[in-house]
Amino acid sequence: MTVDCAVIQRETPAPERPHRRTEGPVRTCVGCRKRELAVDLLRVVAVSNGNGHCALTVDQAGNLPGRGAWLHPDDRCLQAAFRRRAFGRALRITGSPDTSAVVEYVRAQTGAD
């Protein structure tokens, strides 16, 4: 009986890539369309004024009812979301909502940094 002593070639493992943090849900910013952890983004919800119009508000606690749109607390992402009309699409509302509360919140956050 003869045995062929061929060398077994094994695959070398791929080089380690740095892993992204995965400690929670991942959401997409409506402004820049980049994916981030939900804790790094602002949740924005539409609240009805009662007369058929909506106003956007920042959901700091994360417990307001309804659909949420996620946004980086950055003025560039906010402007991109306005330019793309992303809030209406993400929140599934018609018309242009009052965005003053979100603008004030983002400007206060970027001024504090």
PDB file of N, CA and C in Angstrom:
ATOM      1  N   MET A   1       0.843  -1.164   0.000  1.00  0.00           N
ATOM      2  CA  MET A   1       0.000   0.000   0.000  1.00  0.00           C
ATOM      3  C   MET A   1       0.892   1.233   0.000  1.00  0.00           C
ATOM      4  N   THR A   2       0.620   2.167  -0.909  1.00  0.00           N
ATOM      5  CA  THR A   2       1.409   3.384  -0.967  1.00  0.00           C
ATOM      6  C   THR A   2       0.558   4.566  -0.512  1.00  0.00           C
ATOM      7  N   VAL A   3       1.191   5.473   0.198  1.00  0.00           N
ATOM      8  CA  VAL A   3       0.506   6.656   0.707  1.00  0.00           C
ATOM      9  C   VAL A   3       1.131   7.883   0.064  1.00  0.00           C
ATOM     10  N   ASP A   4       0.314   8.677  -0.509  1.00  0.00           N
ATOM     11  CA  ASP A   4       0.792   9.910  -1.121  1.00  0.00           C
ATOM     12  C   ASP A   4       0.914  10.962  -0.032  1.00  0.00           C
ATOM     13  N   CYS A   5       2.056  11.491   0.159  1.00  0.00           N
ATOM     14  CA  CYS A   5       2.309  12.480   1.214  1.00  0.00           C
ATOM     15  C   CYS A   5       2.226  13.894   0.652  1.00  0.00           C
ATOM     16  N   ALA A   6       1.104  14.226   0.121  1.00  0.00           N
ATOM     17  CA  ALA A   6       0.898  15.579  -0.414  1.00  0.00           C
ATOM     18  C   ALA A   6       0.660  16.539   0.738  1.00  0.00           C
ATOM     19  N   VAL A   7       1.102  17.727   0.559  1.00  0.00           N
ATOM     20  CA  VAL A   7       0.926  18.745   1.586  1.00  0.00           C
ATOM     21  C   VAL A   7      -0.494  19.292   1.471  1.00  0.00           C
ATOM     22  N   ILE A   8      -1.155  19.323   2.585  1.00  0.00           N
ATOM     23  CA  ILE A   8      -2.504  19.871   2.615  1.00  0.00           C
ATOM     24  C   ILE A   8      -2.394  21.374   2.781  1.00  0.00           C
ATOM     25  N   GLN A   9      -2.976  22.061   1.852  1.00  0.00           N
ATOM     26  CA  GLN A   9      -2.909  23.509   1.908  1.00  0.00           C
ATOM     27  C   GLN A   9      -4.210  24.033   2.512  1.00  0.00           C
ATOM     28  N   ARG A  10      -4.089  24.798   3.572  1.00  0.00           N
ATOM     29  CA  ARG A  10      -5.250  25.347   4.249  1.00  0.00           C
ATOM     30  C   ARG A  10      -5.382  26.826   3.906  1.00  0.00           C
ATOM     31  N   GLU A  11      -6.617  27.266   3.953  1.00  0.00           N
ATOM     32  CA  GLU A  11      -6.846  28.687   3.705  1.00  0.00           C
ATOM     33  C   GLU A  11      -6.339  29.495   4.879  1.00  0.00           C
ATOM     34  N   THR A  12      -5.712  30.584   4.569  1.00  0.00           N
ATOM     35  CA  THR A  12      -5.273  31.470   5.641  1.00  0.00           C
ATOM     36  C   THR A  12      -6.430  32.401   5.978  1.00  0.00           C
ATOM     37  N   PRO A  13      -6.610  32.701   7.229  1.00  0.00           N
ATOM     38  CA  PRO A  13      -7.728  33.575   7.597  1.00  0.00           C
ATOM     39  C   PRO A  13      -7.536  34.977   7.023  1.00  0.00           C
ATOM     40  N   ALA A  14      -8.659  35.613   6.720  1.00  0.00           N
ATOM     41  CA  ALA A  14      -8.614  36.982   6.211  1.00  0.00           C
ATOM     42  C   ALA A  14      -8.115  37.901   7.306  1.00  0.00           C
ATOM     43  N   PRO A  15      -7.451  38.965   6.926  1.00  0.00           N
ATOM     44  CA  PRO A  15      -6.981  39.898   7.962  1.00  0.00           C
ATOM     45  C   PRO A  15      -8.163  40.464   8.736  1.00  0.00           C
ATOM     46  N   GLU A  16      -7.934  40.655  10.004  1.00  0.00           N
ATOM     47  CA  GLU A  16      -8.998  41.153  10.885  1.00  0.00           C
ATOM     48  C   GLU A  16      -9.396  42.565  10.467  1.00  0.00           C
ATOM     49  N   ARG A  17     -10.680  42.748  10.257  1.00  0.00           N
ATOM     50  CA  ARG A  17     -11.211  44.083   9.984  1.00  0.00           C
ATOM     51  C   ARG A  17     -11.790  44.626  11.280  1.00  0.00           C
ATOM     52  N   PRO A  18     -11.629  45.905  11.509  1.00  0.00           N
ATOM     53  CA  PRO A  18     -12.240  46.455  12.729  1.00  0.00           C
ATOM     54  C   PRO A  18     -13.750  46.350  12.630  1.00  0.00           C
ATOM     55  N   HIS A  19     -14.354  45.819  13.652  1.00  0.00           N
ATOM     56  CA  HIS A  19     -15.798  45.648  13.672  1.00  0.00           C
ATOM     57  C   HIS A  19     -16.463  46.926  14.138  1.00  0.00           C
ATOM     58  N   ARG A  20     -17.629  47.166  13.585  1.00  0.00           N
ATOM     59  CA  ARG A  20     -18.423  48.303  14.050  1.00  0.00           C
ATOM     60  C   ARG A  20     -19.076  47.927  15.366  1.00  0.00           C
ATOM     61  N   ARG A  21     -19.389  48.935  16.129  1.00  0.00           N
ATOM     62  CA  ARG A  21     -20.103  48.667  17.378  1.00  0.00           C
ATOM     63  C   ARG A  21     -21.470  48.095  17.044  1.00  0.00           C
ATOM     64  N   THR A  22     -21.879  47.131  17.810  1.00  0.00           N
ATOM     65  CA  THR A  22     -23.182  46.515  17.558  1.00  0.00           C
ATOM     66  C   THR A  22     -23.986  46.436  18.840  1.00  0.00           C
ATOM     67  N   GLU A  23     -23.900  47.464  19.657  1.00  0.00           N
ATOM     68  CA  GLU A  23     -24.617  47.459  20.927  1.00  0.00           C
ATOM     69  C   GLU A  23     -25.976  48.116  20.807  1.00  0.00           C
ATOM     70  N   GLY A  24     -26.803  47.668  19.927  1.00  0.00           N
ATOM     71  CA  GLY A  24     -28.140  48.230  19.831  1.00  0.00           C
ATOM     72  C   GLY A  24     -28.613  48.346  18.398  1.00  0.00           C
ATOM     73  N   PRO A  25     -29.819  48.879  18.256  1.00  0.00           N
ATOM     74  CA  PRO A  25     -30.403  48.995  16.909  1.00  0.00           C
ATOM     75  C   PRO A  25     -29.674  50.036  16.061  1.00  0.00           C
ATOM     76  N   VAL A  26     -29.645  49.791  14.773  1.00  0.00           N
ATOM     77  CA  VAL A  26     -29.007  50.684  13.811  1.00  0.00           C
ATOM     78  C   VAL A  26     -30.100  51.364  13.004  1.00  0.00           C
ATOM     79  N   ARG A  27     -29.988  52.674  12.823  1.00  0.00           N
ATOM     80  CA  ARG A  27     -30.946  53.450  12.060  1.00  0.00           C
ATOM     81  C   ARG A  27     -30.208  54.257  10.990  1.00  0.00           C
ATOM     82  N   THR A  28     -30.940  54.769  10.017  1.00  0.00           N
ATOM     83  CA  THR A  28     -30.363  55.554   8.930  1.00  0.00           C
ATOM     84  C   THR A  28     -30.771  57.015   9.081  1.00  0.00           C
ATOM     85  N   CYS A  29     -29.801  57.902   9.007  1.00  0.00           N
ATOM     86  CA  CYS A  29     -30.055  59.344   9.082  1.00  0.00           C
ATOM     87  C   CYS A  29     -30.794  59.771   7.818  1.00  0.00           C
ATOM     88  N   VAL A  30     -31.888  60.544   7.978  1.00  0.00           N
ATOM     89  CA  VAL A  30     -32.659  60.981   6.812  1.00  0.00           C
ATOM     90  C   VAL A  30     -31.937  62.087   6.045  1.00  0.00           C
ATOM     91  N   GLY A  31     -30.926  62.692   6.637  1.00  0.00           N
ATOM     92  CA  GLY A  31     -30.185  63.746   5.960  1.00  0.00           C
ATOM     93  C   GLY A  31     -29.070  63.214   5.091  1.00  0.00           C
ATOM     94  N   CYS A  32     -28.121  62.528   5.703  1.00  0.00           N
ATOM     95  CA  CYS A  32     -26.945  62.061   4.962  1.00  0.00           C
ATOM     96  C   CYS A  32     -27.051  60.605   4.511  1.00  0.00           C
ATOM     97  N   ARG A  33     -28.066  59.879   4.990  1.00  0.00           N
ATOM     98  CA  ARG A  33     -28.320  58.478   4.628  1.00  0.00           C
ATOM     99  C   ARG A  33     -27.250  57.522   5.148  1.00  0.00           C
ATOM    100  N   LYS A  34     -26.490  57.914   6.154  1.00  0.00           N
ATOM    101  CA  LYS A  34     -25.510  57.013   6.766  1.00  0.00           C
ATOM    102  C   LYS A  34     -26.160  56.270   7.914  1.00  0.00           C
ATOM    103  N   ARG A  35     -25.719  55.037   8.109  1.00  0.00           N
ATOM    104  CA  ARG A  35     -26.264  54.207   9.169  1.00  0.00           C
ATOM    105  C   ARG A  35     -25.443  54.385  10.441  1.00  0.00           C
ATOM    106  N   GLU A  36     -26.126  54.567  11.555  1.00  0.00           N
ATOM    107  CA  GLU A  36     -25.492  54.745  12.869  1.00  0.00           C
ATOM    108  C   GLU A  36     -26.330  54.041  13.915  1.00  0.00           C
ATOM    109  N   LEU A  37     -25.763  53.903  15.083  1.00  0.00           N
ATOM    110  CA  LEU A  37     -26.536  53.382  16.204  1.00  0.00           C
ATOM    111  C   LEU A  37     -27.627  54.387  16.565  1.00  0.00           C
ATOM    112  N   ALA A  38     -28.760  53.874  16.981  1.00  0.00           N
ATOM    113  CA  ALA A  38     -29.894  54.738  17.300  1.00  0.00           C
ATOM    114  C   ALA A  38     -29.564  55.708  18.434  1.00  0.00           C
ATOM    115  N   VAL A  39     -28.690  55.324  19.353  1.00  0.00           N
ATOM    116  CA  VAL A  39     -28.349  56.209  20.467  1.00  0.00           C
ATOM    117  C   VAL A  39     -27.539  57.419  20.011  1.00  0.00           C
ATOM    118  N   ASP A  40     -26.938  57.360  18.808  1.00  0.00           N
ATOM    119  CA  ASP A  40     -26.153  58.475  18.286  1.00  0.00           C
ATOM    120  C   ASP A  40     -26.979  59.424  17.425  1.00  0.00           C
ATOM    121  N   LEU A  41     -28.246  59.093  17.193  1.00  0.00           N
ATOM    122  CA  LEU A  41     -29.110  59.894  16.333  1.00  0.00           C
ATOM    123  C   LEU A  41     -30.270  60.480  17.125  1.00  0.00           C
ATOM    124  N   LEU A  42     -30.896  61.525  16.569  1.00  0.00           N
ATOM    125  CA  LEU A  42     -32.101  62.114  17.154  1.00  0.00           C
ATOM    126  C   LEU A  42     -33.317  61.459  16.520  1.00  0.00           C
ATOM    127  N   ARG A  43     -34.314  61.177  17.329  1.00  0.00           N
ATOM    128  CA  ARG A  43     -35.573  60.676  16.789  1.00  0.00           C
ATOM    129  C   ARG A  43     -36.519  61.861  16.687  1.00  0.00           C
ATOM    130  N   VAL A  44     -37.063  62.067  15.496  1.00  0.00           N
ATOM    131  CA  VAL A  44     -37.984  63.165  15.230  1.00  0.00           C
ATOM    132  C   VAL A  44     -39.333  62.565  14.884  1.00  0.00           C
ATOM    133  N   VAL A  45     -40.392  63.066  15.521  1.00  0.00           N
ATOM    134  CA  VAL A  45     -41.746  62.580  15.250  1.00  0.00           C
ATOM    135  C   VAL A  45     -42.636  63.752  14.864  1.00  0.00           C
ATOM    136  N   ALA A  46     -43.714  63.449  14.159  1.00  0.00           N
ATOM    137  CA  ALA A  46     -44.695  64.460  13.773  1.00  0.00           C
ATOM    138  C   ALA A  46     -45.836  64.441  14.777  1.00  0.00           C
ATOM    139  N   VAL A  47     -46.186  65.625  15.276  1.00  0.00           N
ATOM    140  CA  VAL A  47     -47.279  65.779  16.220  1.00  0.00           C
ATOM    141  C   VAL A  47     -48.332  66.650  15.562  1.00  0.00           C
ATOM    142  N   SER A  48     -49.579  66.209  15.596  1.00  0.00           N
ATOM    143  CA  SER A  48     -50.655  66.950  14.954  1.00  0.00           C
ATOM    144  C   SER A  48     -51.013  68.178  15.772  1.00  0.00           C
ATOM    145  N   ASN A  49     -51.222  69.308  15.088  1.00  0.00           N
ATOM    146  CA  ASN A  49     -51.641  70.546  15.750  1.00  0.00           C
ATOM    147  C   ASN A  49     -53.141  70.584  15.984  1.00  0.00           C
ATOM    148  N   GLY A  50     -53.856  69.655  15.384  1.00  0.00           N
ATOM    149  CA  GLY A  50     -55.296  69.620  15.548  1.00  0.00           C
ATOM    150  C   GLY A  50     -56.053  70.254  14.401  1.00  0.00           C
ATOM    151  N   ASN A  51     -55.423  71.124  13.650  1.00  0.00           N
ATOM    152  CA  ASN A  51     -56.104  71.774  12.536  1.00  0.00           C
ATOM    153  C   ASN A  51     -55.665  71.200  11.190  1.00  0.00           C
ATOM    154  N   GLY A  52     -55.207  69.983  11.187  1.00  0.00           N
ATOM    155  CA  GLY A  52     -54.778  69.334   9.960  1.00  0.00           C
ATOM    156  C   GLY A  52     -53.316  69.532   9.618  1.00  0.00           C
ATOM    157  N   HIS A  53     -52.599  70.319  10.406  1.00  0.00           N
ATOM    158  CA  HIS A  53     -51.184  70.560  10.168  1.00  0.00           C
ATOM    159  C   HIS A  53     -50.365  69.776  11.185  1.00  0.00           C
ATOM    160  N   CYS A  54     -49.116  69.506  10.836  1.00  0.00           N
ATOM    161  CA  CYS A  54     -48.216  68.773  11.727  1.00  0.00           C
ATOM    162  C   CYS A  54     -47.017  69.641  12.089  1.00  0.00           C
ATOM    163  N   ALA A  55     -46.464  69.351  13.230  1.00  0.00           N
ATOM    164  CA  ALA A  55     -45.230  69.985  13.662  1.00  0.00           C
ATOM    165  C   ALA A  55     -44.250  68.885  14.032  1.00  0.00           C
ATOM    166  N   LEU A  56     -42.989  69.068  13.685  1.00  0.00           N
ATOM    167  CA  LEU A  56     -41.967  68.099  14.049  1.00  0.00           C
ATOM    168  C   LEU A  56     -41.436  68.426  15.429  1.00  0.00           C
ATOM    169  N   THR A  57     -41.184  67.400  16.202  1.00  0.00           N
ATOM    170  CA  THR A  57     -40.603  67.573  17.527  1.00  0.00           C
ATOM    171  C   THR A  57     -39.548  66.506  17.758  1.00  0.00           C
ATOM    172  N   VAL A  58     -38.568  66.839  18.579  1.00  0.00           N
ATOM    173  CA  VAL A  58     -37.507  65.889  18.906  1.00  0.00           C
ATOM    174  C   VAL A  58     -37.984  65.012  20.051  1.00  0.00           C
ATOM    175  N   ASP A  59     -37.884  63.713  19.862  1.00  0.00           N
ATOM    176  CA  ASP A  59     -38.294  62.741  20.878  1.00  0.00           C
ATOM    177  C   ASP A  59     -37.052  62.335  21.674  1.00  0.00           C
ATOM    178  N   GLN A  60     -36.740  63.104  22.716  1.00  0.00           N
ATOM    179  CA  GLN A  60     -35.532  62.843  23.495  1.00  0.00           C
ATOM    180  C   GLN A  60     -35.629  61.552  24.295  1.00  0.00           C
ATOM    181  N   ALA A  61     -36.806  61.253  24.821  1.00  0.00           N
ATOM    182  CA  ALA A  61     -36.974  60.053  25.641  1.00  0.00           C
ATOM    183  C   ALA A  61     -37.170  58.804  24.787  1.00  0.00           C
ATOM    184  N   GLY A  62     -37.555  58.982  23.544  1.00  0.00           N
ATOM    185  CA  GLY A  62     -37.747  57.836  22.662  1.00  0.00           C
ATOM    186  C   GLY A  62     -39.042  57.093  22.901  1.00  0.00           C
ATOM    187  N   ASN A  63     -40.036  57.751  23.474  1.00  0.00           N
ATOM    188  CA  ASN A  63     -41.276  57.035  23.778  1.00  0.00           C
ATOM    189  C   ASN A  63     -42.526  57.708  23.217  1.00  0.00           C
ATOM    190  N   LEU A  64     -42.377  58.694  22.340  1.00  0.00           N
ATOM    191  CA  LEU A  64     -43.552  59.309  21.721  1.00  0.00           C
ATOM    192  C   LEU A  64     -44.149  58.339  20.698  1.00  0.00           C
ATOM    193  N   PRO A  65     -45.462  58.323  20.570  1.00  0.00           N
ATOM    194  CA  PRO A  65     -46.082  57.385  19.631  1.00  0.00           C
ATOM    195  C   PRO A  65     -45.891  57.833  18.185  1.00  0.00           C
ATOM    196  N   GLY A  66     -45.988  56.880  17.285  1.00  0.00           N
ATOM    197  CA  GLY A  66     -45.928  57.167  15.863  1.00  0.00           C
ATOM    198  C   GLY A  66     -44.593  56.837  15.243  1.00  0.00           C
ATOM    199  N   ARG A  67     -44.547  57.070  13.944  1.00  0.00           N
ATOM    200  CA  ARG A  67     -43.328  56.810  13.190  1.00  0.00           C
ATOM    201  C   ARG A  67     -42.264  57.815  13.577  1.00  0.00           C
ATOM    202  N   GLY A  68     -41.040  57.392  13.474  1.00  0.00           N
ATOM    203  CA  GLY A  68     -39.931  58.278  13.776  1.00  0.00           C
ATOM    204  C   GLY A  68     -38.987  58.405  12.603  1.00  0.00           C
ATOM    205  N   ALA A  69     -38.412  59.571  12.451  1.00  0.00           N
ATOM    206  CA  ALA A  69     -37.351  59.811  11.476  1.00  0.00           C
ATOM    207  C   ALA A  69     -36.086  60.051  12.287  1.00  0.00           C
ATOM    208  N   TRP A  70     -34.975  59.537  11.820  1.00  0.00           N
ATOM    209  CA  TRP A  70     -33.726  59.612  12.568  1.00  0.00           C
ATOM    210  C   TRP A  70     -32.772  60.569  11.870  1.00  0.00           C
ATOM    211  N   LEU A  71     -32.062  61.361  12.678  1.00  0.00           N
ATOM    212  CA  LEU A  71     -31.243  62.438  12.146  1.00  0.00           C
ATOM    213  C   LEU A  71     -30.015  62.633  13.016  1.00  0.00           C
ATOM    214  N   HIS A  72     -28.868  62.864  12.362  1.00  0.00           N
ATOM    215  CA  HIS A  72     -27.676  63.251  13.122  1.00  0.00           C
ATOM    216  C   HIS A  72     -27.914  64.643  13.716  1.00  0.00           C
ATOM    217  N   PRO A  73     -27.454  64.901  14.925  1.00  0.00           N
ATOM    218  CA  PRO A  73     -27.629  66.239  15.509  1.00  0.00           C
ATOM    219  C   PRO A  73     -26.620  67.223  14.909  1.00  0.00           C
ATOM    220  N   ASP A  74     -26.690  67.403  13.606  1.00  0.00           N
ATOM    221  CA  ASP A  74     -25.732  68.203  12.859  1.00  0.00           C
ATOM    222  C   ASP A  74     -26.503  69.094  11.886  1.00  0.00           C
ATOM    223  N   ASP A  75     -26.069  70.325  11.755  1.00  0.00           N
ATOM    224  CA  ASP A  75     -26.774  71.270  10.887  1.00  0.00           C
ATOM    225  C   ASP A  75     -26.718  70.840   9.418  1.00  0.00           C
ATOM    226  N   ARG A  76     -25.610  70.216   8.992  1.00  0.00           N
ATOM    227  CA  ARG A  76     -25.515  69.762   7.600  1.00  0.00           C
ATOM    228  C   ARG A  76     -26.538  68.677   7.291  1.00  0.00           C
ATOM    229  N   CYS A  77     -26.724  67.737   8.201  1.00  0.00           N
ATOM    230  CA  CYS A  77     -27.719  66.683   7.990  1.00  0.00           C
ATOM    231  C   CYS A  77     -29.129  67.254   8.016  1.00  0.00           C
ATOM    232  N   LEU A  78     -29.364  68.235   8.880  1.00  0.00           N
ATOM    233  CA  LEU A  78     -30.678  68.873   8.945  1.00  0.00           C
ATOM    234  C   LEU A  78     -30.995  69.583   7.631  1.00  0.00           C
ATOM    235  N   GLN A  79     -30.034  70.333   7.105  1.00  0.00           N
ATOM    236  CA  GLN A  79     -30.243  71.037   5.837  1.00  0.00           C
ATOM    237  C   GLN A  79     -30.431  70.051   4.679  1.00  0.00           C
ATOM    238  N   ALA A  80     -29.692  68.954   4.699  1.00  0.00           N
ATOM    239  CA  ALA A  80     -29.844  67.938   3.651  1.00  0.00           C
ATOM    240  C   ALA A  80     -31.226  67.298   3.729  1.00  0.00           C
ATOM    241  N   ALA A  81     -31.727  67.078   4.931  1.00  0.00           N
ATOM    242  CA  ALA A  81     -33.063  66.494   5.096  1.00  0.00           C
ATOM    243  C   ALA A  81     -34.133  67.448   4.575  1.00  0.00           C
ATOM    244  N   PHE A  82     -33.971  68.752   4.812  1.00  0.00           N
ATOM    245  CA  PHE A  82     -34.919  69.731   4.282  1.00  0.00           C
ATOM    246  C   PHE A  82     -34.860  69.763   2.761  1.00  0.00           C
ATOM    247  N   ARG A  83     -33.644  69.779   2.220  1.00  0.00           N
ATOM    248  CA  ARG A  83     -33.458  69.858   0.775  1.00  0.00           C
ATOM    249  C   ARG A  83     -34.060  68.643   0.059  1.00  0.00           C
ATOM    250  N   ARG A  84     -33.926  67.482   0.674  1.00  0.00           N
ATOM    251  CA  ARG A  84     -34.441  66.249   0.081  1.00  0.00           C
ATOM    252  C   ARG A  84     -35.908  65.995   0.412  1.00  0.00           C
ATOM    253  N   ARG A  85     -36.490  66.850   1.274  1.00  0.00           N
ATOM    254  CA  ARG A  85     -37.867  66.671   1.763  1.00  0.00           C
ATOM    255  C   ARG A  85     -38.039  65.300   2.398  1.00  0.00           C
ATOM    256  N   ALA A  86     -37.058  64.923   3.187  1.00  0.00           N
ATOM    257  CA  ALA A  86     -37.002  63.574   3.745  1.00  0.00           C
ATOM    258  C   ALA A  86     -37.952  63.368   4.920  1.00  0.00           C
ATOM    259  N   PHE A  87     -38.268  64.416   5.663  1.00  0.00           N
ATOM    260  CA  PHE A  87     -39.140  64.243   6.828  1.00  0.00           C
ATOM    261  C   PHE A  87     -40.545  63.822   6.413  1.00  0.00           C
ATOM    262  N   GLY A  88     -41.087  64.439   5.399  1.00  0.00           N
ATOM    263  CA  GLY A  88     -42.422  64.065   4.931  1.00  0.00           C
ATOM    264  C   GLY A  88     -42.481  62.621   4.463  1.00  0.00           C
ATOM    265  N   ARG A  89     -41.446  62.199   3.749  1.00  0.00           N
ATOM    266  CA  ARG A  89     -41.398  60.815   3.268  1.00  0.00           C
ATOM    267  C   ARG A  89     -41.214  59.821   4.405  1.00  0.00           C
ATOM    268  N   ALA A  90     -40.285  60.112   5.307  1.00  0.00           N
ATOM    269  CA  ALA A  90     -39.989  59.174   6.390  1.00  0.00           C
ATOM    270  C   ALA A  90     -41.144  59.047   7.375  1.00  0.00           C
ATOM    271  N   LEU A  91     -41.824  60.159   7.619  1.00  0.00           N
ATOM    272  CA  LEU A  91     -42.913  60.151   8.595  1.00  0.00           C
ATOM    273  C   LEU A  91     -44.269  59.888   7.951  1.00  0.00           C
ATOM    274  N   ARG A  92     -44.283  59.812   6.626  1.00  0.00           N
ATOM    275  CA  ARG A  92     -45.509  59.551   5.862  1.00  0.00           C
ATOM    276  C   ARG A  92     -46.586  60.590   6.144  1.00  0.00           C
ATOM    277  N   ILE A  93     -46.203  61.853   6.015  1.00  0.00           N
ATOM    278  CA  ILE A  93     -47.148  62.945   6.193  1.00  0.00           C
ATOM    279  C   ILE A  93     -47.192  63.769   4.909  1.00  0.00           C
ATOM    280  N   THR A  94     -48.315  64.421   4.676  1.00  0.00           N
ATOM    281  CA  THR A  94     -48.448  65.270   3.498  1.00  0.00           C
ATOM    282  C   THR A  94     -48.265  66.722   3.903  1.00  0.00           C
ATOM    283  N   GLY A  95     -47.863  67.525   2.952  1.00  0.00           N
ATOM    284  CA  GLY A  95     -47.647  68.928   3.234  1.00  0.00           C
ATOM    285  C   GLY A  95     -46.295  69.157   3.875  1.00  0.00           C
ATOM    286  N   SER A  96     -46.021  70.410   4.189  1.00  0.00           N
ATOM    287  CA  SER A  96     -44.752  70.736   4.837  1.00  0.00           C
ATOM    288  C   SER A  96     -45.004  71.017   6.319  1.00  0.00           C
ATOM    289  N   PRO A  97     -44.409  70.229   7.187  1.00  0.00           N
ATOM    290  CA  PRO A  97     -44.631  70.410   8.623  1.00  0.00           C
ATOM    291  C   PRO A  97     -43.838  71.584   9.177  1.00  0.00           C
ATOM    292  N   ASP A  98     -44.228  72.042  10.360  1.00  0.00           N
ATOM    293  CA  ASP A  98     -43.501  73.089  11.079  1.00  0.00           C
ATOM    294  C   ASP A  98     -42.241  72.451  11.661  1.00  0.00           C
ATOM    295  N   THR A  99     -41.088  72.953  11.276  1.00  0.00           N
ATOM    296  CA  THR A  99     -39.818  72.345  11.678  1.00  0.00           C
ATOM    297  C   THR A  99     -39.040  73.193  12.673  1.00  0.00           C
ATOM    298  N   SER A 100     -39.643  74.227  13.206  1.00  0.00           N
ATOM    299  CA  SER A 100     -38.908  75.171  14.052  1.00  0.00           C
ATOM    300  C   SER A 100     -38.344  74.517  15.315  1.00  0.00           C
ATOM    301  N   ALA A 101     -39.058  73.577  15.916  1.00  0.00           N
ATOM    302  CA  ALA A 101     -38.568  72.937  17.147  1.00  0.00           C
ATOM    303  C   ALA A 101     -37.314  72.111  16.879  1.00  0.00           C
ATOM    304  N   VAL A 102     -37.270  71.436  15.748  1.00  0.00           N
ATOM    305  CA  VAL A 102     -36.103  70.620  15.409  1.00  0.00           C
ATOM    306  C   VAL A 102     -34.914  71.514  15.085  1.00  0.00           C
ATOM    307  N   VAL A 103     -35.154  72.606  14.364  1.00  0.00           N
ATOM    308  CA  VAL A 103     -34.078  73.544  14.021  1.00  0.00           C
ATOM    309  C   VAL A 103     -33.474  74.140  15.286  1.00  0.00           C
ATOM    310  N   GLU A 104     -34.316  74.569  16.220  1.00  0.00           N
ATOM    311  CA  GLU A 104     -33.817  75.145  17.473  1.00  0.00           C
ATOM    312  C   GLU A 104     -33.018  74.118  18.272  1.00  0.00           C
ATOM    313  N   TYR A 105     -33.501  72.883  18.320  1.00  0.00           N
ATOM    314  CA  TYR A 105     -32.817  71.847  19.089  1.00  0.00           C
ATOM    315  C   TYR A 105     -31.438  71.549  18.498  1.00  0.00           C
ATOM    316  N   VAL A 106     -31.372  71.387  17.186  1.00  0.00           N
ATOM    317  CA  VAL A 106     -30.091  71.074  16.539  1.00  0.00           C
ATOM    318  C   VAL A 106     -29.111  72.233  16.682  1.00  0.00           C
ATOM    319  N   ARG A 107     -29.589  73.442  16.509  1.00  0.00           N
ATOM    320  CA  ARG A 107     -28.691  74.604  16.652  1.00  0.00           C
ATOM    321  C   ARG A 107     -28.199  74.734  18.087  1.00  0.00           C
ATOM    322  N   ALA A 108     -29.045  74.409  19.071  1.00  0.00           N
ATOM    323  CA  ALA A 108     -28.611  74.448  20.467  1.00  0.00           C
ATOM    324  C   ALA A 108     -27.568  73.366  20.734  1.00  0.00           C
ATOM    325  N   GLN A 109     -27.732  72.198  20.139  1.00  0.00           N
ATOM    326  CA  GLN A 109     -26.781  71.107  20.333  1.00  0.00           C
ATOM    327  C   GLN A 109     -25.433  71.415  19.672  1.00  0.00           C
ATOM    328  N   THR A 110     -25.459  71.954  18.456  1.00  0.00           N
ATOM    329  CA  THR A 110     -24.201  72.253  17.774  1.00  0.00           C
ATOM    330  C   THR A 110     -23.501  73.454  18.401  1.00  0.00           C
ATOM    331  N   GLY A 111     -24.258  74.361  19.004  1.00  0.00           N
ATOM    332  CA  GLY A 111     -23.653  75.492  19.701  1.00  0.00           C
ATOM    333  C   GLY A 111     -23.023  75.069  21.013  1.00  0.00           C
ATOM    334  N   ALA A 112     -23.557  74.008  21.632  1.00  0.00           N
ATOM    335  CA  ALA A 112     -23.044  73.530  22.918  1.00  0.00           C
ATOM    336  C   ALA A 112     -21.757  72.735  22.748  1.00  0.00           C
ATOM    337  N   ASP A 113     -21.562  72.152  21.551  1.00  0.00           N
ATOM    338  CA  ASP A 113     -20.369  71.312  21.318  1.00  0.00           C
ATOM    339  C   ASP A 113     -19.124  72.109  21.107  1.00  0.00           C
TER     340      ASP A 113
END
